[in-house]
Amino acid sequence: MSVDIAGINIPDSALAREATELVRDTTNELIYHHSRRTYLFGAHRGLRDGLTFDAELLYIGAMFHDFGLVAPYASDNQRFEIDGADEARAFLLKHDIAQAEAQTVWTAIALHTTPEIPLHMDPVIALVTRGVEHDVMGVGYETVSEQERAEILKVHPRPDFKNQILQAFTEGIKHRPDTTFGNVKADVLAHFVPGFVRGDFVKVIKESPWGE
């Protein structure tokens, strides 16, 4: 049965329903509600801006975007964004979604913590980032009315979300600190992991094996 929240339709295909069940069964309430809000805020922005986008692909991208923060999906040797992107692409290909569409979702998830660049790409890629930035950092907060926000939060609440999502980031990446080099998650470890030393791009260049 199709569900409408604040004027945004939640995809009700078999693919979307299975993705929803997977997130609910294998992550936690924090990730589930955040992922659904990511879709809702991303879709809202897309409709507001008059973009044409595939709602089902946007939904899959939103639902899988933080998979890499939790076991068994969190790897030891690559960015958590890539972990989630890999799982989403495999999920889509398993359901006979075209390679190009699966790759679009992969890119949307892989780039969702990379500022600005996704906004110049396919609408699905841009809107996953829009949804994440809206929910986590309040970027574009004013584009959603107070009534719309209330409707969304009634279904997908965010109790103590700021602290909880920062804890989830920390727990999901502290065992692979090198993967935060050059991205925003280094800020998380700098705040919450004693002894963390941020990678230094200038130092990498100066200490490279080139002789000059």
N, C-alpha and C. Protein backbone atom coordinates (compact mmCIF):
# COMPACT_ATOMS: atom_id res chain seq x y z
N MET A 1 0.84 -1.20 0.00
CA MET A 1 0.00 0.00 0.00
C MET A 1 0.88 1.25 0.00
N SER A 2 0.62 2.15 -0.90
CA SER A 2 1.42 3.35 -1.03
C SER A 2 1.24 4.27 0.18
N VAL A 3 2.34 4.89 0.62
CA VAL A 3 2.31 5.79 1.77
C VAL A 3 2.74 7.17 1.32
N ASP A 4 2.02 8.18 1.77
CA ASP A 4 2.33 9.56 1.45
C ASP A 4 2.64 10.29 2.76
N ILE A 5 3.81 10.94 2.81
CA ILE A 5 4.21 11.70 4.00
C ILE A 5 4.57 13.11 3.57
N ALA A 6 3.84 14.09 4.09
CA ALA A 6 4.09 15.50 3.76
C ALA A 6 4.07 15.74 2.26
N GLY A 7 3.17 15.04 1.57
CA GLY A 7 3.05 15.22 0.13
C GLY A 7 4.06 14.45 -0.69
N ILE A 8 4.90 13.65 -0.04
CA ILE A 8 5.92 12.86 -0.74
C ILE A 8 5.50 11.39 -0.71
N ASN A 9 5.46 10.77 -1.88
CA ASN A 9 5.08 9.37 -1.96
C ASN A 9 6.29 8.47 -1.72
N ILE A 10 6.12 7.50 -0.82
CA ILE A 10 7.16 6.50 -0.59
C ILE A 10 6.97 5.39 -1.61
N PRO A 11 7.97 5.07 -2.42
CA PRO A 11 7.83 3.99 -3.41
C PRO A 11 7.34 2.69 -2.75
N ASP A 12 6.42 2.02 -3.43
CA ASP A 12 5.81 0.81 -2.86
C ASP A 12 6.04 -0.41 -3.74
N SER A 13 7.10 -0.37 -4.54
CA SER A 13 7.42 -1.52 -5.38
C SER A 13 7.97 -2.64 -4.51
N ALA A 14 8.02 -3.83 -5.08
CA ALA A 14 8.60 -4.97 -4.35
C ALA A 14 10.05 -4.67 -3.99
N LEU A 15 10.77 -4.01 -4.88
CA LEU A 15 12.16 -3.66 -4.64
C LEU A 15 12.28 -2.72 -3.43
N ALA A 16 11.44 -1.69 -3.41
CA ALA A 16 11.49 -0.73 -2.31
C ALA A 16 11.09 -1.38 -0.99
N ARG A 17 10.06 -2.23 -1.03
CA ARG A 17 9.63 -2.89 0.20
C ARG A 17 10.73 -3.80 0.76
N GLU A 18 11.43 -4.51 -0.13
CA GLU A 18 12.50 -5.38 0.33
C GLU A 18 13.65 -4.57 0.92
N ALA A 19 13.96 -3.44 0.30
CA ALA A 19 15.02 -2.58 0.83
C ALA A 19 14.64 -2.07 2.21
N THR A 20 13.39 -1.69 2.39
CA THR A 20 12.92 -1.21 3.69
C THR A 20 13.06 -2.29 4.74
N GLU A 21 12.64 -3.49 4.42
CA GLU A 21 12.74 -4.60 5.37
C GLU A 21 14.19 -4.91 5.71
N LEU A 22 15.05 -4.83 4.71
CA LEU A 22 16.47 -5.11 4.95
C LEU A 22 17.07 -4.10 5.92
N VAL A 23 16.76 -2.82 5.72
CA VAL A 23 17.28 -1.79 6.62
C VAL A 23 16.74 -1.98 8.03
N ARG A 24 15.47 -2.26 8.15
CA ARG A 24 14.86 -2.44 9.47
C ARG A 24 15.44 -3.66 10.19
N ASP A 25 15.74 -4.70 9.42
CA ASP A 25 16.20 -5.96 10.03
C ASP A 25 17.68 -5.97 10.37
N THR A 26 18.48 -5.18 9.64
CA THR A 26 19.93 -5.33 9.79
C THR A 26 20.65 -4.08 10.31
N THR A 27 19.96 -2.95 10.45
CA THR A 27 20.62 -1.77 11.01
C THR A 27 20.01 -1.46 12.37
N ASN A 28 19.48 -0.28 12.55
CA ASN A 28 18.85 0.09 13.83
C ASN A 28 17.87 1.23 13.58
N GLU A 29 17.16 1.62 14.62
CA GLU A 29 16.13 2.66 14.47
C GLU A 29 16.73 3.99 14.02
N LEU A 30 17.90 4.32 14.53
CA LEU A 30 18.55 5.58 14.14
C LEU A 30 18.77 5.62 12.64
N ILE A 31 19.41 4.59 12.09
CA ILE A 31 19.72 4.55 10.66
C ILE A 31 18.44 4.46 9.83
N TYR A 32 17.50 3.67 10.28
CA TYR A 32 16.24 3.52 9.53
C TYR A 32 15.52 4.87 9.39
N HIS A 33 15.28 5.54 10.50
CA HIS A 33 14.54 6.80 10.43
C HIS A 33 15.33 7.87 9.68
N HIS A 34 16.63 7.93 9.91
CA HIS A 34 17.47 8.89 9.18
C HIS A 34 17.43 8.61 7.68
N SER A 35 17.48 7.36 7.29
CA SER A 35 17.47 7.01 5.87
C SER A 35 16.14 7.38 5.21
N ARG A 36 15.04 7.14 5.91
CA ARG A 36 13.73 7.50 5.36
C ARG A 36 13.61 9.03 5.26
N ARG A 37 14.08 9.75 6.27
CA ARG A 37 14.03 11.22 6.19
C ARG A 37 14.92 11.71 5.05
N THR A 38 16.05 11.06 4.85
CA THR A 38 16.93 11.44 3.74
C THR A 38 16.17 11.36 2.43
N TYR A 39 15.42 10.28 2.22
CA TYR A 39 14.61 10.18 1.01
C TYR A 39 13.57 11.29 0.96
N LEU A 40 12.85 11.49 2.04
CA LEU A 40 11.76 12.47 2.04
C LEU A 40 12.27 13.88 1.79
N PHE A 41 13.35 14.27 2.46
CA PHE A 41 13.89 15.61 2.24
C PHE A 41 14.51 15.74 0.85
N GLY A 42 15.15 14.67 0.37
CA GLY A 42 15.72 14.72 -0.97
C GLY A 42 14.64 14.83 -2.03
N ALA A 43 13.59 14.01 -1.91
CA ALA A 43 12.49 14.05 -2.88
C ALA A 43 11.76 15.39 -2.82
N HIS A 44 11.58 15.91 -1.62
CA HIS A 44 10.93 17.21 -1.47
C HIS A 44 11.72 18.29 -2.22
N ARG A 45 13.04 18.25 -2.06
CA ARG A 45 13.87 19.25 -2.75
C ARG A 45 13.79 19.08 -4.26
N GLY A 46 13.78 17.81 -4.71
CA GLY A 46 13.69 17.56 -6.14
C GLY A 46 12.39 18.10 -6.73
N LEU A 47 11.29 17.87 -6.04
CA LEU A 47 10.00 18.38 -6.51
C LEU A 47 9.97 19.90 -6.46
N ARG A 48 10.51 20.46 -5.41
CA ARG A 48 10.56 21.92 -5.28
C ARG A 48 11.34 22.57 -6.42
N ASP A 49 12.45 21.91 -6.80
CA ASP A 49 13.31 22.46 -7.84
C ASP A 49 12.90 22.04 -9.24
N GLY A 50 11.81 21.30 -9.36
CA GLY A 50 11.33 20.89 -10.67
C GLY A 50 12.19 19.86 -11.37
N LEU A 51 12.87 19.02 -10.61
CA LEU A 51 13.74 18.02 -11.19
C LEU A 51 12.95 16.76 -11.57
N THR A 52 13.40 16.10 -12.61
CA THR A 52 12.85 14.81 -12.98
C THR A 52 13.79 13.73 -12.45
N PHE A 53 13.28 12.88 -11.58
CA PHE A 53 14.14 11.87 -10.96
C PHE A 53 13.37 10.57 -10.77
N ASP A 54 14.14 9.49 -10.70
CA ASP A 54 13.56 8.18 -10.47
C ASP A 54 13.40 8.00 -8.96
N ALA A 55 12.17 8.04 -8.48
CA ALA A 55 11.92 7.99 -7.04
C ALA A 55 12.39 6.67 -6.43
N GLU A 56 12.25 5.58 -7.16
CA GLU A 56 12.66 4.28 -6.63
C GLU A 56 14.18 4.24 -6.44
N LEU A 57 14.94 4.73 -7.41
CA LEU A 57 16.39 4.74 -7.27
C LEU A 57 16.82 5.69 -6.16
N LEU A 58 16.15 6.83 -6.06
CA LEU A 58 16.46 7.75 -4.97
C LEU A 58 16.19 7.09 -3.62
N TYR A 59 15.11 6.34 -3.54
CA TYR A 59 14.76 5.66 -2.29
C TYR A 59 15.83 4.63 -1.93
N ILE A 60 16.26 3.84 -2.89
CA ILE A 60 17.29 2.84 -2.61
C ILE A 60 18.58 3.52 -2.17
N GLY A 61 18.96 4.60 -2.85
CA GLY A 61 20.16 5.33 -2.46
C GLY A 61 20.07 5.85 -1.04
N ALA A 62 18.92 6.40 -0.69
CA ALA A 62 18.74 6.93 0.66
C ALA A 62 18.77 5.81 1.70
N MET A 63 18.12 4.71 1.40
CA MET A 63 18.03 3.62 2.39
C MET A 63 19.36 2.93 2.63
N PHE A 64 20.22 2.89 1.62
CA PHE A 64 21.50 2.18 1.76
C PHE A 64 22.66 3.12 2.13
N HIS A 65 22.44 4.42 2.18
CA HIS A 65 23.59 5.32 2.20
C HIS A 65 24.44 5.20 3.47
N ASP A 66 23.87 4.73 4.58
CA ASP A 66 24.67 4.57 5.80
C ASP A 66 24.88 3.11 6.19
N PHE A 67 24.65 2.21 5.27
CA PHE A 67 24.88 0.79 5.55
C PHE A 67 26.30 0.53 6.03
N GLY A 68 27.25 1.27 5.49
CA GLY A 68 28.65 1.03 5.80
C GLY A 68 29.05 1.39 7.22
N LEU A 69 28.11 1.93 8.01
CA LEU A 69 28.42 2.26 9.40
C LEU A 69 28.17 1.10 10.35
N VAL A 70 27.48 0.06 9.89
CA VAL A 70 27.07 -1.00 10.82
C VAL A 70 27.50 -2.37 10.31
N ALA A 71 27.74 -3.27 11.27
CA ALA A 71 28.03 -4.67 10.92
C ALA A 71 26.75 -5.30 10.38
N PRO A 72 26.88 -6.21 9.42
CA PRO A 72 28.11 -6.80 8.88
C PRO A 72 28.65 -6.08 7.65
N TYR A 73 28.15 -4.88 7.39
CA TYR A 73 28.51 -4.19 6.15
C TYR A 73 29.75 -3.32 6.28
N ALA A 74 30.14 -2.97 7.49
CA ALA A 74 31.30 -2.10 7.69
C ALA A 74 32.59 -2.87 7.47
N SER A 75 33.37 -2.45 6.50
CA SER A 75 34.64 -3.11 6.22
C SER A 75 35.75 -2.51 7.09
N ASP A 76 36.94 -3.02 6.92
CA ASP A 76 38.09 -2.52 7.67
C ASP A 76 39.01 -1.64 6.84
N ASN A 77 38.80 -1.62 5.52
CA ASN A 77 39.84 -1.03 4.67
C ASN A 77 39.34 -0.06 3.61
N GLN A 78 38.08 0.35 3.67
CA GLN A 78 37.63 1.36 2.72
C GLN A 78 36.60 2.27 3.38
N ARG A 79 36.34 3.40 2.75
CA ARG A 79 35.40 4.37 3.30
C ARG A 79 34.02 3.75 3.48
N PHE A 80 33.33 4.15 4.55
CA PHE A 80 32.02 3.58 4.81
C PHE A 80 31.04 3.89 3.69
N GLU A 81 31.24 5.02 3.00
CA GLU A 81 30.36 5.36 1.88
C GLU A 81 30.45 4.30 0.78
N ILE A 82 31.65 3.80 0.55
CA ILE A 82 31.83 2.78 -0.49
C ILE A 82 31.22 1.46 -0.06
N ASP A 83 31.31 1.15 1.23
CA ASP A 83 30.66 -0.07 1.72
C ASP A 83 29.16 -0.04 1.40
N GLY A 84 28.52 1.07 1.72
CA GLY A 84 27.09 1.18 1.44
C GLY A 84 26.79 1.17 -0.04
N ALA A 85 27.63 1.85 -0.81
CA ALA A 85 27.44 1.89 -2.26
C ALA A 85 27.56 0.51 -2.88
N ASP A 86 28.54 -0.27 -2.42
CA ASP A 86 28.72 -1.63 -2.93
C ASP A 86 27.51 -2.50 -2.63
N GLU A 87 26.98 -2.38 -1.42
CA GLU A 87 25.81 -3.19 -1.04
C GLU A 87 24.58 -2.80 -1.86
N ALA A 88 24.40 -1.51 -2.08
CA ALA A 88 23.24 -1.06 -2.87
C ALA A 88 23.33 -1.55 -4.31
N ARG A 89 24.51 -1.43 -4.90
CA ARG A 89 24.67 -1.88 -6.28
C ARG A 89 24.43 -3.38 -6.41
N ALA A 90 24.98 -4.15 -5.47
CA ALA A 90 24.75 -5.60 -5.50
C ALA A 90 23.27 -5.93 -5.34
N PHE A 91 22.61 -5.23 -4.46
CA PHE A 91 21.18 -5.43 -4.24
C PHE A 91 20.39 -5.16 -5.52
N LEU A 92 20.70 -4.07 -6.19
CA LEU A 92 19.98 -3.71 -7.42
C LEU A 92 20.27 -4.70 -8.54
N LEU A 93 21.51 -5.07 -8.72
CA LEU A 93 21.86 -6.02 -9.78
C LEU A 93 21.21 -7.38 -9.54
N LYS A 94 21.12 -7.76 -8.27
CA LYS A 94 20.47 -9.03 -7.92
C LYS A 94 19.00 -9.02 -8.33
N HIS A 95 18.42 -7.83 -8.36
CA HIS A 95 17.01 -7.69 -8.75
C HIS A 95 16.85 -7.26 -10.21
N ASP A 96 17.88 -7.51 -10.99
CA ASP A 96 17.84 -7.29 -12.44
C ASP A 96 17.65 -5.82 -12.84
N ILE A 97 18.11 -4.91 -11.99
CA ILE A 97 18.13 -3.50 -12.37
C ILE A 97 19.34 -3.27 -13.27
N ALA A 98 19.18 -2.46 -14.29
CA ALA A 98 20.24 -2.23 -15.26
C ALA A 98 21.52 -1.72 -14.61
N GLN A 99 22.65 -2.12 -15.18
CA GLN A 99 23.95 -1.73 -14.66
C GLN A 99 24.08 -0.22 -14.52
N ALA A 100 23.61 0.52 -15.52
CA ALA A 100 23.75 1.98 -15.48
C ALA A 100 22.98 2.59 -14.32
N GLU A 101 21.79 2.07 -14.05
CA GLU A 101 21.00 2.59 -12.94
C GLU A 101 21.62 2.20 -11.61
N ALA A 102 22.12 0.97 -11.52
CA ALA A 102 22.78 0.54 -10.30
C ALA A 102 24.03 1.39 -10.03
N GLN A 103 24.72 1.75 -11.11
CA GLN A 103 25.92 2.57 -10.95
C GLN A 103 25.56 3.99 -10.51
N THR A 104 24.43 4.51 -10.96
CA THR A 104 23.98 5.82 -10.51
C THR A 104 23.76 5.83 -9.01
N VAL A 105 23.12 4.78 -8.50
CA VAL A 105 22.89 4.68 -7.06
C VAL A 105 24.22 4.52 -6.33
N TRP A 106 25.11 3.70 -6.88
CA TRP A 106 26.44 3.55 -6.27
C TRP A 106 27.11 4.92 -6.13
N THR A 107 27.09 5.70 -7.18
CA THR A 107 27.73 7.01 -7.16
C THR A 107 27.05 7.94 -6.16
N ALA A 108 25.73 7.88 -6.09
CA ALA A 108 24.99 8.73 -5.15
C ALA A 108 25.43 8.47 -3.72
N ILE A 109 25.60 7.20 -3.37
CA ILE A 109 26.00 6.86 -2.01
C ILE A 109 27.48 7.15 -1.78
N ALA A 110 28.31 6.79 -2.74
CA ALA A 110 29.76 6.99 -2.59
C ALA A 110 30.13 8.46 -2.41
N LEU A 111 29.34 9.36 -3.00
CA LEU A 111 29.67 10.78 -2.97
C LEU A 111 28.84 11.59 -1.98
N HIS A 112 28.03 10.92 -1.15
CA HIS A 112 27.07 11.71 -0.37
C HIS A 112 27.70 12.55 0.73
N THR A 113 28.97 12.33 1.06
CA THR A 113 29.65 13.20 2.01
C THR A 113 30.68 14.11 1.33
N THR A 114 30.62 14.18 0.03
CA THR A 114 31.54 15.03 -0.73
C THR A 114 30.80 16.30 -1.14
N PRO A 115 31.09 17.43 -0.52
CA PRO A 115 30.31 18.63 -0.78
C PRO A 115 30.37 19.09 -2.25
N GLU A 116 29.26 19.58 -2.73
CA GLU A 116 29.08 20.31 -3.99
C GLU A 116 29.09 19.46 -5.24
N ILE A 117 30.06 18.57 -5.41
CA ILE A 117 30.17 17.82 -6.65
C ILE A 117 28.90 17.05 -7.00
N PRO A 118 28.28 16.31 -6.07
CA PRO A 118 27.07 15.56 -6.42
C PRO A 118 25.93 16.45 -6.94
N LEU A 119 25.91 17.70 -6.53
CA LEU A 119 24.82 18.59 -6.92
C LEU A 119 24.85 18.93 -8.39
N HIS A 120 25.95 18.62 -9.07
CA HIS A 120 26.08 18.89 -10.50
C HIS A 120 25.93 17.61 -11.33
N MET A 121 25.43 16.56 -10.71
CA MET A 121 25.32 15.27 -11.39
C MET A 121 23.85 14.87 -11.54
N ASP A 122 23.61 13.62 -11.91
CA ASP A 122 22.26 13.11 -12.09
C ASP A 122 21.40 13.47 -10.87
N PRO A 123 20.11 13.80 -11.08
CA PRO A 123 19.26 14.18 -9.95
C PRO A 123 19.23 13.18 -8.80
N VAL A 124 19.29 11.89 -9.10
CA VAL A 124 19.32 10.90 -8.01
C VAL A 124 20.56 11.10 -7.15
N ILE A 125 21.69 11.34 -7.78
CA ILE A 125 22.94 11.57 -7.06
C ILE A 125 22.84 12.85 -6.24
N ALA A 126 22.35 13.90 -6.87
CA ALA A 126 22.23 15.19 -6.19
C ALA A 126 21.27 15.13 -5.02
N LEU A 127 20.16 14.42 -5.19
CA LEU A 127 19.12 14.45 -4.16
C LEU A 127 19.42 13.56 -2.98
N VAL A 128 20.21 12.51 -3.15
CA VAL A 128 20.67 11.78 -1.97
C VAL A 128 21.51 12.72 -1.10
N THR A 129 22.41 13.46 -1.72
CA THR A 129 23.22 14.42 -0.97
C THR A 129 22.35 15.50 -0.35
N ARG A 130 21.37 16.03 -1.11
CA ARG A 130 20.48 17.05 -0.57
C ARG A 130 19.75 16.53 0.67
N GLY A 131 19.27 15.30 0.60
CA GLY A 131 18.54 14.74 1.72
C GLY A 131 19.42 14.55 2.94
N VAL A 132 20.63 14.04 2.73
CA VAL A 132 21.56 13.84 3.84
C VAL A 132 21.94 15.18 4.46
N GLU A 133 22.30 16.14 3.64
CA GLU A 133 22.73 17.44 4.16
C GLU A 133 21.60 18.13 4.92
N HIS A 134 20.38 17.97 4.43
CA HIS A 134 19.23 18.58 5.11
C HIS A 134 19.05 17.96 6.50
N ASP A 135 19.07 16.63 6.57
CA ASP A 135 18.78 15.96 7.83
C ASP A 135 19.92 16.06 8.83
N VAL A 136 21.15 15.98 8.37
CA VAL A 136 22.29 15.96 9.28
C VAL A 136 22.76 17.36 9.65
N MET A 137 22.84 18.26 8.67
CA MET A 137 23.43 19.57 8.90
C MET A 137 22.46 20.73 8.80
N GLY A 138 21.22 20.45 8.40
CA GLY A 138 20.24 21.52 8.29
C GLY A 138 20.41 22.37 7.04
N VAL A 139 21.17 21.89 6.06
CA VAL A 139 21.35 22.64 4.82
C VAL A 139 20.02 22.64 4.06
N GLY A 140 19.53 23.82 3.72
CA GLY A 140 18.24 23.92 3.05
C GLY A 140 17.05 23.80 3.99
N TYR A 141 17.29 23.97 5.28
CA TYR A 141 16.24 23.80 6.30
C TYR A 141 15.00 24.63 5.97
N GLU A 142 15.24 25.83 5.46
CA GLU A 142 14.14 26.75 5.19
C GLU A 142 13.28 26.35 3.99
N THR A 143 13.73 25.36 3.22
CA THR A 143 12.96 24.94 2.03
C THR A 143 11.80 24.02 2.39
N VAL A 144 11.76 23.54 3.62
CA VAL A 144 10.67 22.68 4.08
C VAL A 144 9.88 23.45 5.13
N SER A 145 8.57 23.50 4.97
CA SER A 145 7.74 24.27 5.90
C SER A 145 7.68 23.60 7.26
N GLU A 146 7.31 24.37 8.26
CA GLU A 146 7.18 23.83 9.62
C GLU A 146 6.16 22.70 9.66
N GLN A 147 5.08 22.86 8.92
CA GLN A 147 4.04 21.82 8.90
C GLN A 147 4.57 20.54 8.24
N GLU A 148 5.30 20.70 7.13
CA GLU A 148 5.86 19.53 6.46
C GLU A 148 6.87 18.81 7.34
N ARG A 149 7.71 19.59 8.02
CA ARG A 149 8.67 18.99 8.94
C ARG A 149 7.97 18.21 10.03
N ALA A 150 6.92 18.80 10.58
CA ALA A 150 6.18 18.14 11.66
C ALA A 150 5.58 16.82 11.18
N GLU A 151 5.07 16.80 9.96
CA GLU A 151 4.48 15.58 9.41
C GLU A 151 5.54 14.49 9.24
N ILE A 152 6.70 14.89 8.77
CA ILE A 152 7.79 13.93 8.58
C ILE A 152 8.29 13.40 9.92
N LEU A 153 8.48 14.30 10.88
CA LEU A 153 9.02 13.88 12.17
C LEU A 153 8.02 13.08 12.99
N LYS A 154 6.75 13.24 12.71
CA LYS A 154 5.74 12.43 13.40
C LYS A 154 5.91 10.96 13.04
N VAL A 155 6.27 10.70 11.79
CA VAL A 155 6.45 9.32 11.32
C VAL A 155 7.87 8.84 11.57
N HIS A 156 8.83 9.75 11.38
CA HIS A 156 10.24 9.40 11.52
C HIS A 156 10.94 10.38 12.46
N PRO A 157 10.75 10.16 13.76
CA PRO A 157 11.28 11.10 14.76
C PRO A 157 12.80 11.08 14.84
N ARG A 158 13.36 12.14 15.43
CA ARG A 158 14.81 12.23 15.57
C ARG A 158 15.19 12.63 16.99
N PRO A 159 14.88 11.79 17.99
CA PRO A 159 15.24 12.11 19.37
C PRO A 159 16.76 12.10 19.57
N ASP A 160 17.29 13.21 20.08
CA ASP A 160 18.73 13.34 20.34
C ASP A 160 19.54 12.96 19.10
N PHE A 161 19.03 13.31 17.94
CA PHE A 161 19.65 12.84 16.70
C PHE A 161 21.07 13.34 16.52
N LYS A 162 21.33 14.60 16.85
CA LYS A 162 22.67 15.14 16.62
C LYS A 162 23.73 14.30 17.34
N ASN A 163 23.49 14.02 18.61
CA ASN A 163 24.47 13.23 19.37
C ASN A 163 24.50 11.78 18.90
N GLN A 164 23.33 11.22 18.60
CA GLN A 164 23.30 9.82 18.20
C GLN A 164 23.97 9.58 16.86
N ILE A 165 23.77 10.49 15.90
CA ILE A 165 24.38 10.26 14.59
C ILE A 165 25.89 10.46 14.67
N LEU A 166 26.35 11.39 15.50
CA LEU A 166 27.79 11.56 15.68
C LEU A 166 28.40 10.31 16.33
N GLN A 167 27.69 9.72 17.27
CA GLN A 167 28.17 8.48 17.87
C GLN A 167 28.22 7.36 16.84
N ALA A 168 27.18 7.29 15.99
CA ALA A 168 27.15 6.25 14.95
C ALA A 168 28.30 6.44 13.97
N PHE A 169 28.58 7.68 13.60
CA PHE A 169 29.73 7.94 12.72
C PHE A 169 31.01 7.47 13.38
N THR A 170 31.19 7.83 14.65
CA THR A 170 32.41 7.48 15.36
C THR A 170 32.60 5.97 15.44
N GLU A 171 31.54 5.27 15.86
CA GLU A 171 31.63 3.82 15.99
C GLU A 171 31.86 3.14 14.65
N GLY A 172 31.31 3.73 13.58
CA GLY A 172 31.40 3.11 12.28
C GLY A 172 32.73 3.29 11.56
N ILE A 173 33.52 4.28 12.01
CA ILE A 173 34.76 4.57 11.28
C ILE A 173 36.02 4.58 12.14
N LYS A 174 35.90 4.51 13.46
CA LYS A 174 37.09 4.67 14.31
C LYS A 174 38.09 3.54 14.12
N HIS A 175 37.64 2.39 13.62
CA HIS A 175 38.56 1.26 13.41
C HIS A 175 39.28 1.36 12.07
N ARG A 176 38.94 2.37 11.26
CA ARG A 176 39.59 2.57 9.95
C ARG A 176 39.88 4.06 9.74
N PRO A 177 40.64 4.65 10.64
CA PRO A 177 40.84 6.10 10.60
C PRO A 177 41.48 6.61 9.32
N ASP A 178 42.30 5.78 8.67
CA ASP A 178 42.96 6.24 7.44
C ASP A 178 41.97 6.52 6.32
N THR A 179 40.77 5.94 6.39
CA THR A 179 39.79 6.16 5.33
C THR A 179 39.15 7.53 5.42
N THR A 180 39.44 8.29 6.47
CA THR A 180 38.87 9.63 6.60
C THR A 180 39.77 10.71 6.01
N PHE A 181 40.91 10.30 5.47
CA PHE A 181 41.83 11.29 4.90
C PHE A 181 41.14 12.08 3.79
N GLY A 182 41.13 13.39 3.93
CA GLY A 182 40.58 14.25 2.89
C GLY A 182 39.07 14.33 2.85
N ASN A 183 38.38 13.81 3.89
CA ASN A 183 36.91 13.94 3.87
C ASN A 183 36.40 14.38 5.24
N VAL A 184 35.13 14.73 5.28
CA VAL A 184 34.56 15.37 6.47
C VAL A 184 34.56 14.48 7.70
N LYS A 185 34.64 13.17 7.54
CA LYS A 185 34.59 12.30 8.71
C LYS A 185 35.85 12.39 9.57
N ALA A 186 36.91 12.97 9.03
CA ALA A 186 38.09 13.22 9.87
C ALA A 186 37.72 14.15 11.02
N ASP A 187 36.79 15.07 10.80
CA ASP A 187 36.34 15.98 11.85
C ASP A 187 35.71 15.20 13.00
N VAL A 188 34.97 14.16 12.67
CA VAL A 188 34.32 13.34 13.70
C VAL A 188 35.36 12.69 14.59
N LEU A 189 36.35 12.04 13.99
CA LEU A 189 37.37 11.37 14.78
C LEU A 189 38.20 12.37 15.58
N ALA A 190 38.44 13.54 15.02
CA ALA A 190 39.20 14.56 15.73
C ALA A 190 38.48 14.99 17.01
N HIS A 191 37.16 14.99 16.98
CA HIS A 191 36.37 15.38 18.15
C HIS A 191 36.23 14.26 19.17
N PHE A 192 36.10 13.01 18.71
CA PHE A 192 35.64 11.95 19.60
C PHE A 192 36.60 10.79 19.82
N VAL A 193 37.72 10.74 19.11
CA VAL A 193 38.67 9.65 19.30
C VAL A 193 40.00 10.21 19.80
N PRO A 194 40.30 10.01 21.09
CA PRO A 194 41.56 10.53 21.64
C PRO A 194 42.77 9.96 20.88
N GLY A 195 43.71 10.84 20.58
CA GLY A 195 44.93 10.41 19.91
C GLY A 195 44.84 10.35 18.41
N PHE A 196 43.65 10.60 17.84
CA PHE A 196 43.54 10.59 16.38
C PHE A 196 44.39 11.69 15.78
N VAL A 197 45.16 11.34 14.76
CA VAL A 197 45.99 12.32 14.05
C VAL A 197 45.47 12.44 12.63
N ARG A 198 45.01 13.61 12.29
CA ARG A 198 44.45 13.85 10.97
C ARG A 198 45.53 13.78 9.89
N GLY A 199 45.20 13.14 8.76
CA GLY A 199 46.12 13.11 7.64
C GLY A 199 46.40 14.50 7.11
N ASP A 200 47.61 14.76 6.70
CA ASP A 200 48.03 16.09 6.25
C ASP A 200 48.43 16.01 4.78
N PHE A 201 47.64 16.58 3.91
CA PHE A 201 47.87 16.52 2.47
C PHE A 201 49.21 17.15 2.09
N VAL A 202 49.54 18.27 2.72
CA VAL A 202 50.81 18.94 2.43
C VAL A 202 51.98 18.03 2.81
N LYS A 203 51.87 17.38 3.96
CA LYS A 203 52.93 16.48 4.41
C LYS A 203 53.08 15.30 3.46
N VAL A 204 51.96 14.78 2.97
CA VAL A 204 52.02 13.67 2.01
C VAL A 204 52.80 14.06 0.77
N ILE A 205 52.53 15.27 0.29
CA ILE A 205 53.25 15.75 -0.91
C ILE A 205 54.73 15.91 -0.64
N LYS A 206 55.05 16.58 0.48
CA LYS A 206 56.45 16.86 0.79
C LYS A 206 57.25 15.58 1.07
N GLU A 207 56.59 14.56 1.59
CA GLU A 207 57.29 13.32 1.93
C GLU A 207 57.12 12.24 0.87
N SER A 208 56.61 12.60 -0.28
CA SER A 208 56.46 11.62 -1.36
C SER A 208 57.85 11.18 -1.85
N PRO A 209 57.94 10.06 -2.54
CA PRO A 209 59.24 9.53 -2.97
C PRO A 209 59.89 10.31 -4.10
N TRP A 210 59.21 11.33 -4.65
CA TRP A 210 59.83 12.10 -5.72
C TRP A 210 61.05 12.86 -5.19
N GLY A 211 62.08 12.89 -5.98
CA GLY A 211 63.37 13.40 -5.52
C GLY A 211 63.49 14.90 -5.39
N GLU A 212 62.72 15.66 -6.18
CA GLU A 212 62.96 17.10 -6.15
C GLU A 212 62.40 17.76 -4.90
